[in-house]
Amino acid sequence: MRIEELKNEIEEQRRKNIKLFKSIPLATREDPLNKRADPILEEWREGSKILKSMIKELQKLEITDNKTNFIEKNNGKFVNGFGEATKRNITCTGYERAEKRNAQAILSFMGNR
């Protein structure tokens, strides 16, 4: 299963990052700018970037998996404007216009217009 493999890869990358972070030397009087730590820091940063991208990918996979499970469990029901769970579609044109107007107002408020 892809999700489990990705979780294992994430754990392995976390272990690597923790090991690298713990191995970063501290600044001393001889090396006040801590130049010895630069290569280790670069490697740690690259590992962190990889870890973040793997976590994003895992979240996307889990969301798509949850969406399919939710649709299967939901059986086409949704919550109407009165807070009732129903299978009936709202066919009133006034409601559809108001819904579209509200959606446009929300998008313009968020700046995505």
N, C-alpha and C. Protein backbone atom coordinates (compact mmCIF):
# COMPACT_ATOMS: atom_id res chain seq x y z
N MET A 1 0.84 -1.18 0.00
CA MET A 1 0.00 0.00 0.00
C MET A 1 0.89 1.25 0.00
N ARG A 2 0.60 2.20 -0.82
CA ARG A 2 1.44 3.39 -1.02
C ARG A 2 1.51 4.25 0.24
N ILE A 3 0.42 4.41 0.95
CA ILE A 3 0.41 5.26 2.14
C ILE A 3 1.33 4.70 3.21
N GLU A 4 1.29 3.40 3.43
CA GLU A 4 2.14 2.78 4.45
C GLU A 4 3.62 2.89 4.07
N GLU A 5 3.93 2.70 2.78
CA GLU A 5 5.32 2.83 2.34
C GLU A 5 5.82 4.25 2.57
N LEU A 6 4.98 5.22 2.27
CA LEU A 6 5.36 6.61 2.44
C LEU A 6 5.55 6.95 3.91
N LYS A 7 4.71 6.40 4.78
CA LYS A 7 4.87 6.62 6.21
C LYS A 7 6.20 6.06 6.70
N ASN A 8 6.59 4.89 6.20
CA ASN A 8 7.88 4.30 6.58
C ASN A 8 9.05 5.16 6.09
N GLU A 9 8.94 5.68 4.86
CA GLU A 9 9.99 6.54 4.32
C GLU A 9 10.10 7.83 5.14
N ILE A 10 8.96 8.37 5.56
CA ILE A 10 8.96 9.59 6.37
C ILE A 10 9.66 9.34 7.71
N GLU A 11 9.36 8.21 8.34
CA GLU A 11 10.00 7.89 9.61
C GLU A 11 11.51 7.74 9.45
N GLU A 12 11.93 7.11 8.37
CA GLU A 12 13.36 6.94 8.11
C GLU A 12 14.03 8.29 7.90
N GLN A 13 13.38 9.17 7.14
CA GLN A 13 13.94 10.51 6.91
C GLN A 13 13.98 11.31 8.20
N ARG A 14 12.98 11.16 9.05
CA ARG A 14 12.99 11.84 10.35
C ARG A 14 14.18 11.38 11.20
N ARG A 15 14.41 10.08 11.20
CA ARG A 15 15.55 9.56 11.96
C ARG A 15 16.87 10.14 11.46
N LYS A 16 17.00 10.22 10.12
CA LYS A 16 18.22 10.79 9.53
C LYS A 16 18.37 12.25 9.94
N ASN A 17 17.27 13.01 9.88
CA ASN A 17 17.34 14.43 10.22
C ASN A 17 17.69 14.64 11.69
N ILE A 18 17.14 13.83 12.56
CA ILE A 18 17.44 13.96 13.98
C ILE A 18 18.91 13.64 14.23
N LYS A 19 19.41 12.59 13.58
CA LYS A 19 20.82 12.23 13.74
C LYS A 19 21.73 13.35 13.24
N LEU A 20 21.38 13.95 12.08
CA LEU A 20 22.18 15.05 11.56
C LEU A 20 22.12 16.26 12.48
N PHE A 21 20.94 16.57 12.98
CA PHE A 21 20.78 17.74 13.85
C PHE A 21 21.60 17.59 15.14
N LYS A 22 21.61 16.38 15.67
CA LYS A 22 22.37 16.16 16.90
C LYS A 22 23.88 16.19 16.65
N SER A 23 24.31 15.98 15.42
CA SER A 23 25.73 15.96 15.11
C SER A 23 26.28 17.34 14.73
N ILE A 24 25.45 18.36 14.72
CA ILE A 24 25.92 19.71 14.36
C ILE A 24 26.81 20.23 15.49
N PRO A 25 28.05 20.59 15.17
CA PRO A 25 28.95 21.09 16.23
C PRO A 25 28.58 22.51 16.66
N LEU A 26 28.91 22.84 17.88
CA LEU A 26 28.66 24.18 18.41
C LEU A 26 29.81 25.11 18.06
N ALA A 27 29.53 26.40 18.07
CA ALA A 27 30.57 27.39 17.80
C ALA A 27 31.57 27.43 18.96
N THR A 28 32.81 27.65 18.61
CA THR A 28 33.86 27.75 19.62
C THR A 28 34.61 29.06 19.43
N ARG A 29 35.60 29.32 20.31
CA ARG A 29 36.40 30.54 20.15
C ARG A 29 37.24 30.49 18.88
N GLU A 30 37.71 29.31 18.54
CA GLU A 30 38.52 29.16 17.33
C GLU A 30 37.68 29.31 16.07
N ASP A 31 36.40 28.95 16.15
CA ASP A 31 35.48 29.00 15.00
C ASP A 31 34.18 29.69 15.43
N PRO A 32 34.21 31.02 15.63
CA PRO A 32 33.02 31.70 16.16
C PRO A 32 31.85 31.72 15.17
N LEU A 33 32.11 31.64 13.87
CA LEU A 33 31.03 31.62 12.88
C LEU A 33 30.54 30.21 12.59
N ASN A 34 31.16 29.24 13.22
CA ASN A 34 30.76 27.84 13.12
C ASN A 34 30.76 27.34 11.67
N LYS A 35 31.86 27.58 10.98
CA LYS A 35 32.00 27.14 9.59
C LYS A 35 32.04 25.62 9.46
N ARG A 36 32.45 24.92 10.52
CA ARG A 36 32.48 23.46 10.46
C ARG A 36 31.09 22.87 10.32
N ALA A 37 30.09 23.60 10.78
CA ALA A 37 28.73 23.07 10.76
C ALA A 37 28.02 23.29 9.42
N ASP A 38 28.57 24.11 8.54
CA ASP A 38 27.89 24.44 7.28
C ASP A 38 27.53 23.22 6.43
N PRO A 39 28.47 22.28 6.18
CA PRO A 39 28.07 21.13 5.35
C PRO A 39 26.98 20.27 6.00
N ILE A 40 27.05 20.13 7.31
CA ILE A 40 26.03 19.33 8.01
C ILE A 40 24.69 20.04 7.98
N LEU A 41 24.72 21.38 8.15
CA LEU A 41 23.48 22.15 8.09
C LEU A 41 22.83 22.08 6.71
N GLU A 42 23.66 22.15 5.67
CA GLU A 42 23.12 22.05 4.31
C GLU A 42 22.46 20.69 4.08
N GLU A 43 23.11 19.65 4.54
CA GLU A 43 22.55 18.30 4.40
C GLU A 43 21.24 18.18 5.20
N TRP A 44 21.22 18.76 6.39
CA TRP A 44 20.01 18.73 7.22
C TRP A 44 18.88 19.50 6.56
N ARG A 45 19.20 20.66 5.97
CA ARG A 45 18.17 21.45 5.29
C ARG A 45 17.59 20.70 4.10
N GLU A 46 18.45 20.06 3.33
CA GLU A 46 17.97 19.27 2.19
C GLU A 46 17.06 18.14 2.66
N GLY A 47 17.47 17.48 3.74
CA GLY A 47 16.64 16.42 4.30
C GLY A 47 15.30 16.95 4.79
N SER A 48 15.31 18.15 5.34
CA SER A 48 14.06 18.76 5.81
C SER A 48 13.13 19.08 4.64
N LYS A 49 13.70 19.56 3.54
CA LYS A 49 12.89 19.84 2.35
C LYS A 49 12.26 18.55 1.82
N ILE A 50 13.04 17.49 1.77
CA ILE A 50 12.53 16.20 1.31
C ILE A 50 11.42 15.72 2.23
N LEU A 51 11.65 15.86 3.54
CA LEU A 51 10.66 15.43 4.52
C LEU A 51 9.35 16.19 4.37
N LYS A 52 9.43 17.50 4.19
CA LYS A 52 8.22 18.31 4.01
C LYS A 52 7.46 17.90 2.75
N SER A 53 8.17 17.65 1.67
CA SER A 53 7.49 17.25 0.43
C SER A 53 6.83 15.88 0.59
N MET A 54 7.50 14.98 1.32
CA MET A 54 6.91 13.65 1.55
C MET A 54 5.67 13.76 2.43
N ILE A 55 5.69 14.64 3.42
CA ILE A 55 4.52 14.82 4.29
C ILE A 55 3.36 15.40 3.50
N LYS A 56 3.63 16.36 2.61
CA LYS A 56 2.57 16.93 1.76
C LYS A 56 1.96 15.86 0.87
N GLU A 57 2.81 15.03 0.29
CA GLU A 57 2.32 13.96 -0.58
C GLU A 57 1.45 12.99 0.21
N LEU A 58 1.88 12.66 1.43
CA LEU A 58 1.11 11.76 2.29
C LEU A 58 -0.26 12.37 2.61
N GLN A 59 -0.28 13.67 2.92
CA GLN A 59 -1.55 14.33 3.22
C GLN A 59 -2.48 14.30 2.02
N LYS A 60 -1.94 14.53 0.83
CA LYS A 60 -2.77 14.47 -0.38
C LYS A 60 -3.35 13.08 -0.58
N LEU A 61 -2.51 12.06 -0.40
CA LEU A 61 -2.99 10.68 -0.55
C LEU A 61 -4.07 10.36 0.48
N GLU A 62 -3.87 10.79 1.73
CA GLU A 62 -4.86 10.51 2.76
C GLU A 62 -6.16 11.25 2.50
N ILE A 63 -6.07 12.48 1.99
CA ILE A 63 -7.29 13.24 1.68
C ILE A 63 -8.08 12.56 0.58
N THR A 64 -7.40 12.15 -0.48
CA THR A 64 -8.12 11.49 -1.57
C THR A 64 -8.71 10.16 -1.10
N ASP A 65 -7.97 9.46 -0.25
CA ASP A 65 -8.48 8.20 0.30
C ASP A 65 -9.70 8.46 1.18
N ASN A 66 -9.64 9.50 2.01
CA ASN A 66 -10.77 9.83 2.88
C ASN A 66 -11.97 10.32 2.09
N LYS A 67 -11.74 11.05 0.99
CA LYS A 67 -12.85 11.52 0.17
C LYS A 67 -13.61 10.35 -0.43
N THR A 68 -12.88 9.37 -0.95
CA THR A 68 -13.57 8.23 -1.54
C THR A 68 -14.32 7.45 -0.47
N ASN A 69 -13.73 7.33 0.73
CA ASN A 69 -14.42 6.63 1.81
C ASN A 69 -15.64 7.40 2.25
N PHE A 70 -15.56 8.74 2.31
CA PHE A 70 -16.68 9.56 2.75
C PHE A 70 -17.82 9.47 1.75
N ILE A 71 -17.50 9.50 0.47
CA ILE A 71 -18.54 9.43 -0.55
C ILE A 71 -19.23 8.07 -0.49
N GLU A 72 -18.46 7.02 -0.29
CA GLU A 72 -19.06 5.69 -0.19
C GLU A 72 -19.95 5.59 1.04
N LYS A 73 -19.53 6.16 2.17
CA LYS A 73 -20.31 6.09 3.40
C LYS A 73 -21.53 7.00 3.34
N ASN A 74 -21.43 8.11 2.64
CA ASN A 74 -22.45 9.14 2.65
C ASN A 74 -23.67 8.77 1.81
N ASN A 75 -23.49 7.97 0.79
CA ASN A 75 -24.57 7.53 -0.10
C ASN A 75 -25.32 8.69 -0.74
N GLY A 76 -24.62 9.75 -1.09
CA GLY A 76 -25.24 10.87 -1.80
C GLY A 76 -25.98 11.85 -0.93
N LYS A 77 -25.93 11.72 0.37
CA LYS A 77 -26.62 12.66 1.25
C LYS A 77 -25.77 13.91 1.43
N PHE A 78 -26.46 15.04 1.61
CA PHE A 78 -25.79 16.28 1.94
C PHE A 78 -26.68 17.08 2.88
N VAL A 79 -26.12 18.12 3.46
CA VAL A 79 -26.87 18.95 4.40
C VAL A 79 -27.42 20.14 3.64
N ASN A 80 -28.74 20.32 3.68
CA ASN A 80 -29.35 21.44 2.99
C ASN A 80 -29.27 22.71 3.83
N GLY A 81 -29.88 23.78 3.35
CA GLY A 81 -29.82 25.07 4.03
C GLY A 81 -30.48 25.09 5.39
N PHE A 82 -31.34 24.13 5.67
CA PHE A 82 -32.01 24.06 6.97
C PHE A 82 -31.27 23.15 7.95
N GLY A 83 -30.12 22.62 7.54
CA GLY A 83 -29.35 21.75 8.42
C GLY A 83 -29.86 20.32 8.44
N GLU A 84 -30.64 19.96 7.45
CA GLU A 84 -31.19 18.61 7.38
C GLU A 84 -30.39 17.77 6.38
N ALA A 85 -30.16 16.54 6.72
CA ALA A 85 -29.50 15.62 5.79
C ALA A 85 -30.54 15.10 4.82
N THR A 86 -30.28 15.25 3.53
CA THR A 86 -31.25 14.85 2.53
C THR A 86 -30.54 14.40 1.26
N LYS A 87 -31.27 13.67 0.43
CA LYS A 87 -30.77 13.28 -0.88
C LYS A 87 -31.37 14.15 -1.98
N ARG A 88 -32.41 14.92 -1.63
CA ARG A 88 -33.08 15.76 -2.61
C ARG A 88 -32.22 16.94 -3.01
N ASN A 89 -32.11 17.16 -4.30
CA ASN A 89 -31.38 18.33 -4.79
C ASN A 89 -32.27 19.55 -4.70
N ILE A 90 -31.66 20.69 -4.47
CA ILE A 90 -32.42 21.94 -4.44
C ILE A 90 -32.49 22.45 -5.87
N THR A 91 -33.69 22.61 -6.38
CA THR A 91 -33.87 22.98 -7.78
C THR A 91 -34.38 24.40 -7.95
N CYS A 92 -34.58 25.11 -6.87
CA CYS A 92 -35.09 26.48 -6.94
C CYS A 92 -34.01 27.38 -7.56
N THR A 93 -34.37 28.12 -8.61
CA THR A 93 -33.39 28.98 -9.28
C THR A 93 -32.95 30.12 -8.38
N GLY A 94 -33.84 30.61 -7.54
CA GLY A 94 -33.46 31.68 -6.61
C GLY A 94 -32.38 31.22 -5.65
N TYR A 95 -32.50 30.00 -5.17
CA TYR A 95 -31.49 29.45 -4.27
C TYR A 95 -30.16 29.30 -4.98
N GLU A 96 -30.20 28.82 -6.22
CA GLU A 96 -28.96 28.63 -6.98
C GLU A 96 -28.28 29.98 -7.25
N ARG A 97 -29.07 31.02 -7.58
CA ARG A 97 -28.50 32.35 -7.81
C ARG A 97 -27.87 32.90 -6.53
N ALA A 98 -28.58 32.72 -5.41
CA ALA A 98 -28.06 33.21 -4.13
C ALA A 98 -26.79 32.47 -3.74
N GLU A 99 -26.75 31.18 -4.00
CA GLU A 99 -25.56 30.39 -3.69
C GLU A 99 -24.38 30.86 -4.54
N LYS A 100 -24.62 31.12 -5.80
CA LYS A 100 -23.56 31.60 -6.69
C LYS A 100 -23.08 32.98 -6.24
N ARG A 101 -24.01 33.85 -5.87
CA ARG A 101 -23.66 35.20 -5.41
C ARG A 101 -22.81 35.12 -4.14
N ASN A 102 -23.20 34.26 -3.21
CA ASN A 102 -22.43 34.09 -1.98
C ASN A 102 -21.03 33.55 -2.27
N ALA A 103 -20.94 32.61 -3.18
CA ALA A 103 -19.63 32.05 -3.52
C ALA A 103 -18.73 33.13 -4.12
N GLN A 104 -19.29 33.97 -4.99
CA GLN A 104 -18.51 35.06 -5.58
C GLN A 104 -18.08 36.07 -4.52
N ALA A 105 -18.97 36.36 -3.58
CA ALA A 105 -18.63 37.31 -2.51
C ALA A 105 -17.50 36.76 -1.65
N ILE A 106 -17.54 35.48 -1.36
CA ILE A 106 -16.50 34.88 -0.56
C ILE A 106 -15.17 34.89 -1.29
N LEU A 107 -15.19 34.55 -2.58
CA LEU A 107 -13.95 34.55 -3.36
C LEU A 107 -13.38 35.95 -3.50
N SER A 108 -14.24 36.95 -3.71
CA SER A 108 -13.72 38.32 -3.82
C SER A 108 -13.16 38.80 -2.49
N PHE A 109 -13.76 38.36 -1.37
CA PHE A 109 -13.24 38.72 -0.06
C PHE A 109 -11.87 38.11 0.16
N MET A 110 -11.69 36.89 -0.33
CA MET A 110 -10.41 36.21 -0.16
C MET A 110 -9.38 36.71 -1.17
N GLY A 111 -9.80 37.43 -2.20
CA GLY A 111 -8.86 37.99 -3.17
C GLY A 111 -8.57 37.08 -4.32
N ASN A 112 -9.40 36.09 -4.59
CA ASN A 112 -9.16 35.15 -5.68
C ASN A 112 -9.99 35.49 -6.91
N ARG A 113 -10.43 36.67 -7.02
CA ARG A 113 -11.31 37.02 -8.14
C ARG A 113 -10.56 37.35 -9.37
